[in-house]
Every structure is written in C-alpha cells, then in structure tokens.
Amino acid sequence: MNKTLKVEKLNSLRNEMTHIWGSAFILGGGSMTLLFNEYNPVKYFFGMLGFILTIIIFNAYFTRRSEMQKMLKDLEEE
C-alpha cells in the first residue's frame, strides 16, 4: 500500500473515531439520565439498553484505535 493511500485511510479512521466517540458520550449521557431519574420500568429498561450499547460503541472505538496505531507504526517503519 503506498504512502498516500495509508494517509487517506488514517484520515478516514480518525474521522470515524470522532463520530464514534461523540455518539458514545451522547448515548451514555442519555442512558445515565434515564437510569438516575425517577424510577420507571420502561425508562430503566431503555437506560440499561443504552448503557450496553455504549459499551459496544466503546469497543468499536478502541478497535479502530488499535487499527490506527498499527497503521501509524507501519507508516513510521517505511
């Protein structure tokens, strides 16, 4: 893979990571609001669902991060 293609891939990953990070915090904040607000079984269910989805989104973020670090290491070796 040539250098410019790797740089474009890194830019794309960085942009995707920014969107994932923002989504995780918005979803996590909304979930916490639902969980710590007045008790209602429906709100509690959606709060827990949002919390689980936040964990999945953070997993996606850190997967992209490790991929990005690997690409940066490969780019530095060239």
PDB file of N, CA and C in Angstrom:
ATOM      1  N   MET A   1       0.848  -1.166   0.000  1.00  0.00           N
ATOM      2  CA  MET A   1       0.000   0.000   0.000  1.00  0.00           C
ATOM      3  C   MET A   1       0.901   1.239   0.000  1.00  0.00           C
ATOM      4  N   ASN A   2       0.635   2.170  -0.908  1.00  0.00           N
ATOM      5  CA  ASN A   2       1.513   3.333  -0.956  1.00  0.00           C
ATOM      6  C   ASN A   2       1.184   4.313   0.170  1.00  0.00           C
ATOM      7  N   LYS A   3       2.084   5.280   0.340  1.00  0.00           N
ATOM      8  CA  LYS A   3       2.017   6.177   1.491  1.00  0.00           C
ATOM      9  C   LYS A   3       0.771   7.060   1.478  1.00  0.00           C
ATOM     10  N   THR A   4       0.399   7.604   0.327  1.00  0.00           N
ATOM     11  CA  THR A   4      -0.767   8.492   0.285  1.00  0.00           C
ATOM     12  C   THR A   4      -2.060   7.728   0.588  1.00  0.00           C
ATOM     13  N   LEU A   5      -2.127   6.496   0.152  1.00  0.00           N
ATOM     14  CA  LEU A   5      -3.303   5.683   0.449  1.00  0.00           C
ATOM     15  C   LEU A   5      -3.402   5.404   1.951  1.00  0.00           C
ATOM     16  N   LYS A   6      -2.266   5.150   2.590  1.00  0.00           N
ATOM     17  CA  LYS A   6      -2.260   4.928   4.031  1.00  0.00           C
ATOM     18  C   LYS A   6      -2.668   6.186   4.788  1.00  0.00           C
ATOM     19  N   VAL A   7      -2.199   7.327   4.329  1.00  0.00           N
ATOM     20  CA  VAL A   7      -2.561   8.588   4.979  1.00  0.00           C
ATOM     21  C   VAL A   7      -4.061   8.846   4.846  1.00  0.00           C
ATOM     22  N   GLU A   8      -4.614   8.585   3.680  1.00  0.00           N
ATOM     23  CA  GLU A   8      -6.060   8.759   3.486  1.00  0.00           C
ATOM     24  C   GLU A   8      -6.853   7.790   4.362  1.00  0.00           C
ATOM     25  N   LYS A   9      -6.367   6.573   4.490  1.00  0.00           N
ATOM     26  CA  LYS A   9      -7.023   5.588   5.355  1.00  0.00           C
ATOM     27  C   LYS A   9      -6.976   6.044   6.812  1.00  0.00           C
ATOM     28  N   LEU A  10      -5.842   6.601   7.231  1.00  0.00           N
ATOM     29  CA  LEU A  10      -5.722   7.119   8.593  1.00  0.00           C
ATOM     30  C   LEU A  10      -6.673   8.284   8.829  1.00  0.00           C
ATOM     31  N   ASN A  11      -6.794   9.182   7.860  1.00  0.00           N
ATOM     32  CA  ASN A  11      -7.728  10.301   7.988  1.00  0.00           C
ATOM     33  C   ASN A  11      -9.164   9.803   8.103  1.00  0.00           C
ATOM     34  N   SER A  12      -9.499   8.800   7.326  1.00  0.00           N
ATOM     35  CA  SER A  12     -10.841   8.228   7.377  1.00  0.00           C
ATOM     36  C   SER A  12     -11.109   7.580   8.734  1.00  0.00           C
ATOM     37  N   LEU A  13     -10.137   6.847   9.249  1.00  0.00           N
ATOM     38  CA  LEU A  13     -10.281   6.220  10.563  1.00  0.00           C
ATOM     39  C   LEU A  13     -10.422   7.262  11.665  1.00  0.00           C
ATOM     40  N   ARG A  14      -9.641   8.330  11.577  1.00  0.00           N
ATOM     41  CA  ARG A  14      -9.715   9.392  12.579  1.00  0.00           C
ATOM     42  C   ARG A  14     -11.099  10.038  12.575  1.00  0.00           C
ATOM     43  N   ASN A  15     -11.635  10.292  11.393  1.00  0.00           N
ATOM     44  CA  ASN A  15     -12.959  10.881  11.281  1.00  0.00           C
ATOM     45  C   ASN A  15     -14.025   9.939  11.852  1.00  0.00           C
ATOM     46  N   GLU A  16     -13.905   8.664  11.526  1.00  0.00           N
ATOM     47  CA  GLU A  16     -14.852   7.673  12.039  1.00  0.00           C
ATOM     48  C   GLU A  16     -14.767   7.569  13.558  1.00  0.00           C
ATOM     49  N   MET A  17     -13.547   7.619  14.100  1.00  0.00           N
ATOM     50  CA  MET A  17     -13.367   7.551  15.542  1.00  0.00           C
ATOM     51  C   MET A  17     -13.992   8.757  16.235  1.00  0.00           C
ATOM     52  N   THR A  18     -13.911   9.924  15.612  1.00  0.00           N
ATOM     53  CA  THR A  18     -14.516  11.120  16.186  1.00  0.00           C
ATOM     54  C   THR A  18     -16.027  10.961  16.294  1.00  0.00           C
ATOM     55  N   HIS A  19     -16.644  10.434  15.261  1.00  0.00           N
ATOM     56  CA  HIS A  19     -18.090  10.220  15.284  1.00  0.00           C
ATOM     57  C   HIS A  19     -18.480   9.159  16.319  1.00  0.00           C
ATOM     58  N   ILE A  20     -17.707   8.099  16.406  1.00  0.00           N
ATOM     59  CA  ILE A  20     -17.998   7.041  17.378  1.00  0.00           C
ATOM     60  C   ILE A  20     -17.868   7.577  18.800  1.00  0.00           C
ATOM     61  N   TRP A  21     -16.829   8.377  19.052  1.00  0.00           N
ATOM     62  CA  TRP A  21     -16.592   8.932  20.384  1.00  0.00           C
ATOM     63  C   TRP A  21     -17.752   9.834  20.808  1.00  0.00           C
ATOM     64  N   GLY A  22     -18.171  10.703  19.905  1.00  0.00           N
ATOM     65  CA  GLY A  22     -19.293  11.594  20.203  1.00  0.00           C
ATOM     66  C   GLY A  22     -20.578  10.829  20.446  1.00  0.00           C
ATOM     67  N   SER A  23     -20.825   9.827  19.631  1.00  0.00           N
ATOM     68  CA  SER A  23     -22.033   9.008  19.795  1.00  0.00           C
ATOM     69  C   SER A  23     -22.031   8.271  21.127  1.00  0.00           C
ATOM     70  N   ALA A  24     -20.879   7.780  21.523  1.00  0.00           N
ATOM     71  CA  ALA A  24     -20.791   7.050  22.790  1.00  0.00           C
ATOM     72  C   ALA A  24     -21.124   7.958  23.963  1.00  0.00           C
ATOM     73  N   PHE A  25     -20.629   9.183  23.949  1.00  0.00           N
ATOM     74  CA  PHE A  25     -20.902  10.077  25.065  1.00  0.00           C
ATOM     75  C   PHE A  25     -22.343  10.563  25.083  1.00  0.00           C
ATOM     76  N   ILE A  26     -22.917  10.803  23.926  1.00  0.00           N
ATOM     77  CA  ILE A  26     -24.326  11.210  23.882  1.00  0.00           C
ATOM     78  C   ILE A  26     -25.222  10.069  24.364  1.00  0.00           C
ATOM     79  N   LEU A  27     -24.968   8.866  23.870  1.00  0.00           N
ATOM     80  CA  LEU A  27     -25.768   7.710  24.277  1.00  0.00           C
ATOM     81  C   LEU A  27     -25.554   7.386  25.752  1.00  0.00           C
ATOM     82  N   GLY A  28     -24.318   7.454  26.204  1.00  0.00           N
ATOM     83  CA  GLY A  28     -24.030   7.180  27.614  1.00  0.00           C
ATOM     84  C   GLY A  28     -24.668   8.198  28.545  1.00  0.00           C
ATOM     85  N   GLY A  29     -24.615   9.469  28.164  1.00  0.00           N
ATOM     86  CA  GLY A  29     -25.234  10.505  28.988  1.00  0.00           C
ATOM     87  C   GLY A  29     -26.741  10.356  29.058  1.00  0.00           C
ATOM     88  N   GLY A  30     -27.357  10.058  27.933  1.00  0.00           N
ATOM     89  CA  GLY A  30     -28.802   9.832  27.927  1.00  0.00           C
ATOM     90  C   GLY A  30     -29.187   8.621  28.750  1.00  0.00           C
ATOM     91  N   SER A  31     -28.371   7.591  28.685  1.00  0.00           N
ATOM     92  CA  SER A  31     -28.641   6.376  29.469  1.00  0.00           C
ATOM     93  C   SER A  31     -28.540   6.653  30.960  1.00  0.00           C
ATOM     94  N   MET A  32     -27.521   7.403  31.353  1.00  0.00           N
ATOM     95  CA  MET A  32     -27.373   7.745  32.767  1.00  0.00           C
ATOM     96  C   MET A  32     -28.545   8.594  33.249  1.00  0.00           C
ATOM     97  N   THR A  33     -29.001   9.501  32.410  1.00  0.00           N
ATOM     98  CA  THR A  33     -30.156  10.321  32.771  1.00  0.00           C
ATOM     99  C   THR A  33     -31.383   9.448  32.992  1.00  0.00           C
ATOM    100  N   LEU A  34     -31.598   8.492  32.121  1.00  0.00           N
ATOM    101  CA  LEU A  34     -32.750   7.601  32.288  1.00  0.00           C
ATOM    102  C   LEU A  34     -32.614   6.713  33.524  1.00  0.00           C
ATOM    103  N   LEU A  35     -31.399   6.262  33.807  1.00  0.00           N
ATOM    104  CA  LEU A  35     -31.199   5.369  34.947  1.00  0.00           C
ATOM    105  C   LEU A  35     -31.346   6.086  36.283  1.00  0.00           C
ATOM    106  N   PHE A  36     -30.853   7.317  36.383  1.00  0.00           N
ATOM    107  CA  PHE A  36     -30.841   8.010  37.672  1.00  0.00           C
ATOM    108  C   PHE A  36     -32.010   8.960  37.860  1.00  0.00           C
ATOM    109  N   ASN A  37     -32.898   9.029  36.898  1.00  0.00           N
ATOM    110  CA  ASN A  37     -34.101   9.831  37.032  1.00  0.00           C
ATOM    111  C   ASN A  37     -35.111   9.032  37.850  1.00  0.00           C
ATOM    112  N   GLU A  38     -36.320   9.510  37.989  1.00  0.00           N
ATOM    113  CA  GLU A  38     -37.334   8.786  38.753  1.00  0.00           C
ATOM    114  C   GLU A  38     -37.490   7.365  38.217  1.00  0.00           C
ATOM    115  N   TYR A  39     -37.807   6.444  39.118  1.00  0.00           N
ATOM    116  CA  TYR A  39     -37.881   5.036  38.719  1.00  0.00           C
ATOM    117  C   TYR A  39     -39.135   4.782  37.893  1.00  0.00           C
ATOM    118  N   ASN A  40     -38.896   4.199  36.740  1.00  0.00           N
ATOM    119  CA  ASN A  40     -39.966   3.770  35.849  1.00  0.00           C
ATOM    120  C   ASN A  40     -39.395   2.563  35.105  1.00  0.00           C
ATOM    121  N   PRO A  41     -40.074   1.439  35.090  1.00  0.00           N
ATOM    122  CA  PRO A  41     -39.508   0.238  34.451  1.00  0.00           C
ATOM    123  C   PRO A  41     -39.125   0.443  32.985  1.00  0.00           C
ATOM    124  N   VAL A  42     -39.904   1.225  32.257  1.00  0.00           N
ATOM    125  CA  VAL A  42     -39.591   1.456  30.840  1.00  0.00           C
ATOM    126  C   VAL A  42     -38.321   2.294  30.716  1.00  0.00           C
ATOM    127  N   LYS A  43     -38.212   3.351  31.523  1.00  0.00           N
ATOM    128  CA  LYS A  43     -37.007   4.185  31.499  1.00  0.00           C
ATOM    129  C   LYS A  43     -35.784   3.381  31.936  1.00  0.00           C
ATOM    130  N   TYR A  44     -35.968   2.548  32.949  1.00  0.00           N
ATOM    131  CA  TYR A  44     -34.869   1.720  33.427  1.00  0.00           C
ATOM    132  C   TYR A  44     -34.410   0.746  32.339  1.00  0.00           C
ATOM    133  N   PHE A  45     -35.354   0.151  31.624  1.00  0.00           N
ATOM    134  CA  PHE A  45     -35.018  -0.770  30.537  1.00  0.00           C
ATOM    135  C   PHE A  45     -34.220  -0.053  29.451  1.00  0.00           C
ATOM    136  N   PHE A  46     -34.713   1.112  29.009  1.00  0.00           N
ATOM    137  CA  PHE A  46     -34.003   1.840  27.959  1.00  0.00           C
ATOM    138  C   PHE A  46     -32.666   2.392  28.451  1.00  0.00           C
ATOM    139  N   GLY A  47     -32.584   2.732  29.725  1.00  0.00           N
ATOM    140  CA  GLY A  47     -31.311   3.169  30.293  1.00  0.00           C
ATOM    141  C   GLY A  47     -30.277   2.060  30.274  1.00  0.00           C
ATOM    142  N   MET A  48     -30.689   0.860  30.667  1.00  0.00           N
ATOM    143  CA  MET A  48     -29.768  -0.280  30.648  1.00  0.00           C
ATOM    144  C   MET A  48     -29.392  -0.660  29.216  1.00  0.00           C
ATOM    145  N   LEU A  49     -30.366  -0.611  28.324  1.00  0.00           N
ATOM    146  CA  LEU A  49     -30.088  -0.898  26.915  1.00  0.00           C
ATOM    147  C   LEU A  49     -29.082   0.106  26.350  1.00  0.00           C
ATOM    148  N   GLY A  50     -29.269   1.373  26.671  1.00  0.00           N
ATOM    149  CA  GLY A  50     -28.336   2.404  26.224  1.00  0.00           C
ATOM    150  C   GLY A  50     -26.950   2.211  26.809  1.00  0.00           C
ATOM    151  N   PHE A  51     -26.886   1.793  28.073  1.00  0.00           N
ATOM    152  CA  PHE A  51     -25.595   1.553  28.711  1.00  0.00           C
ATOM    153  C   PHE A  51     -24.862   0.396  28.032  1.00  0.00           C
ATOM    154  N   ILE A  52     -25.581  -0.655  27.699  1.00  0.00           N
ATOM    155  CA  ILE A  52     -24.976  -1.796  26.997  1.00  0.00           C
ATOM    156  C   ILE A  52     -24.502  -1.380  25.607  1.00  0.00           C
ATOM    157  N   LEU A  53     -25.314  -0.597  24.907  1.00  0.00           N
ATOM    158  CA  LEU A  53     -24.906  -0.111  23.581  1.00  0.00           C
ATOM    159  C   LEU A  53     -23.693   0.808  23.671  1.00  0.00           C
ATOM    160  N   THR A  54     -23.602   1.589  24.745  1.00  0.00           N
ATOM    161  CA  THR A  54     -22.435   2.447  24.940  1.00  0.00           C
ATOM    162  C   THR A  54     -21.169   1.610  25.073  1.00  0.00           C
ATOM    163  N   ILE A  55     -21.242   0.520  25.799  1.00  0.00           N
ATOM    164  CA  ILE A  55     -20.086  -0.371  25.944  1.00  0.00           C
ATOM    165  C   ILE A  55     -19.691  -0.954  24.587  1.00  0.00           C
ATOM    166  N   ILE A  56     -20.675  -1.331  23.787  1.00  0.00           N
ATOM    167  CA  ILE A  56     -20.391  -1.869  22.449  1.00  0.00           C
ATOM    168  C   ILE A  56     -19.745  -0.802  21.570  1.00  0.00           C
ATOM    169  N   ILE A  57     -20.235   0.429  21.670  1.00  0.00           N
ATOM    170  CA  ILE A  57     -19.668   1.521  20.868  1.00  0.00           C
ATOM    171  C   ILE A  57     -18.236   1.816  21.308  1.00  0.00           C
ATOM    172  N   PHE A  58     -17.966   1.798  22.626  1.00  0.00           N
ATOM    173  CA  PHE A  58     -16.590   1.999  23.086  1.00  0.00           C
ATOM    174  C   PHE A  58     -15.677   0.886  22.580  1.00  0.00           C
ATOM    175  N   ASN A  59     -16.180  -0.333  22.493  1.00  0.00           N
ATOM    176  CA  ASN A  59     -15.399  -1.435  21.932  1.00  0.00           C
ATOM    177  C   ASN A  59     -15.046  -1.149  20.473  1.00  0.00           C
ATOM    178  N   ALA A  60     -16.012  -0.635  19.714  1.00  0.00           N
ATOM    179  CA  ALA A  60     -15.747  -0.284  18.311  1.00  0.00           C
ATOM    180  C   ALA A  60     -14.700   0.819  18.227  1.00  0.00           C
ATOM    181  N   TYR A  61     -14.774   1.789  19.136  1.00  0.00           N
ATOM    182  CA  TYR A  61     -13.803   2.883  19.138  1.00  0.00           C
ATOM    183  C   TYR A  61     -12.390   2.353  19.381  1.00  0.00           C
ATOM    184  N   PHE A  62     -12.231   1.517  20.396  1.00  0.00           N
ATOM    185  CA  PHE A  62     -10.895   1.027  20.721  1.00  0.00           C
ATOM    186  C   PHE A  62     -10.374   0.037  19.680  1.00  0.00           C
ATOM    187  N   THR A  63     -11.260  -0.643  18.974  1.00  0.00           N
ATOM    188  CA  THR A  63     -10.835  -1.481  17.855  1.00  0.00           C
ATOM    189  C   THR A  63     -10.247  -0.614  16.752  1.00  0.00           C
ATOM    190  N   ARG A  64     -10.931   0.482  16.433  1.00  0.00           N
ATOM    191  CA  ARG A  64     -10.422   1.413  15.420  1.00  0.00           C
ATOM    192  C   ARG A  64      -9.110   2.039  15.874  1.00  0.00           C
ATOM    193  N   ARG A  65      -9.016   2.328  17.170  1.00  0.00           N
ATOM    194  CA  ARG A  65      -7.800   2.944  17.702  1.00  0.00           C
ATOM    195  C   ARG A  65      -6.597   2.015  17.549  1.00  0.00           C
ATOM    196  N   SER A  66      -6.777   0.745  17.850  1.00  0.00           N
ATOM    197  CA  SER A  66      -5.664  -0.196  17.712  1.00  0.00           C
ATOM    198  C   SER A  66      -5.288  -0.374  16.242  1.00  0.00           C
ATOM    199  N   GLU A  67      -6.288  -0.362  15.358  1.00  0.00           N
ATOM    200  CA  GLU A  67      -6.008  -0.446  13.925  1.00  0.00           C
ATOM    201  C   GLU A  67      -5.228   0.784  13.459  1.00  0.00           C
ATOM    202  N   MET A  68      -5.600   1.938  13.979  1.00  0.00           N
ATOM    203  CA  MET A  68      -4.923   3.177  13.606  1.00  0.00           C
ATOM    204  C   MET A  68      -3.478   3.188  14.115  1.00  0.00           C
ATOM    205  N   GLN A  69      -3.265   2.727  15.338  1.00  0.00           N
ATOM    206  CA  GLN A  69      -1.910   2.673  15.877  1.00  0.00           C
ATOM    207  C   GLN A  69      -1.035   1.707  15.083  1.00  0.00           C
ATOM    208  N   LYS A  70      -1.605   0.602  14.655  1.00  0.00           N
ATOM    209  CA  LYS A  70      -0.860  -0.361  13.841  1.00  0.00           C
ATOM    210  C   LYS A  70      -0.466   0.266  12.507  1.00  0.00           C
ATOM    211  N   MET A  71      -1.406   0.993  11.890  1.00  0.00           N
ATOM    212  CA  MET A  71      -1.100   1.645  10.613  1.00  0.00           C
ATOM    213  C   MET A  71      -0.051   2.736  10.782  1.00  0.00           C
ATOM    214  N   LEU A  72      -0.110   3.476  11.893  1.00  0.00           N
ATOM    215  CA  LEU A  72       0.898   4.503  12.152  1.00  0.00           C
ATOM    216  C   LEU A  72       2.280   3.880  12.339  1.00  0.00           C
ATOM    217  N   LYS A  73       2.330   2.753  13.031  1.00  0.00           N
ATOM    218  CA  LYS A  73       3.606   2.061  13.227  1.00  0.00           C
ATOM    219  C   LYS A  73       4.165   1.595  11.884  1.00  0.00           C
ATOM    220  N   ASP A  74       3.298   1.038  11.026  1.00  0.00           N
ATOM    221  CA  ASP A  74       3.735   0.604   9.699  1.00  0.00           C
ATOM    222  C   ASP A  74       4.210   1.784   8.859  1.00  0.00           C
ATOM    223  N   LEU A  75       3.527   2.912   8.997  1.00  0.00           N
ATOM    224  CA  LEU A  75       3.891   4.103   8.236  1.00  0.00           C
ATOM    225  C   LEU A  75       5.228   4.667   8.702  1.00  0.00           C
ATOM    226  N   GLU A  76       5.500   4.598  10.008  1.00  0.00           N
ATOM    227  CA  GLU A  76       6.777   5.075  10.535  1.00  0.00           C
ATOM    228  C   GLU A  76       7.937   4.194  10.090  1.00  0.00           C
ATOM    229  N   GLU A  77       7.680   2.900   9.905  1.00  0.00           N
ATOM    230  CA  GLU A  77       8.739   1.983   9.502  1.00  0.00           C
ATOM    231  C   GLU A  77       9.167   2.185   8.056  1.00  0.00           C
ATOM    232  N   GLU A  78       8.303   2.784   7.252  1.00  0.00           N
ATOM    233  CA  GLU A  78       8.650   2.995   5.835  1.00  0.00           C
ATOM    234  C   GLU A  78       9.645   4.113   5.670  1.00  0.00           C
TER     235      GLU A  78
END
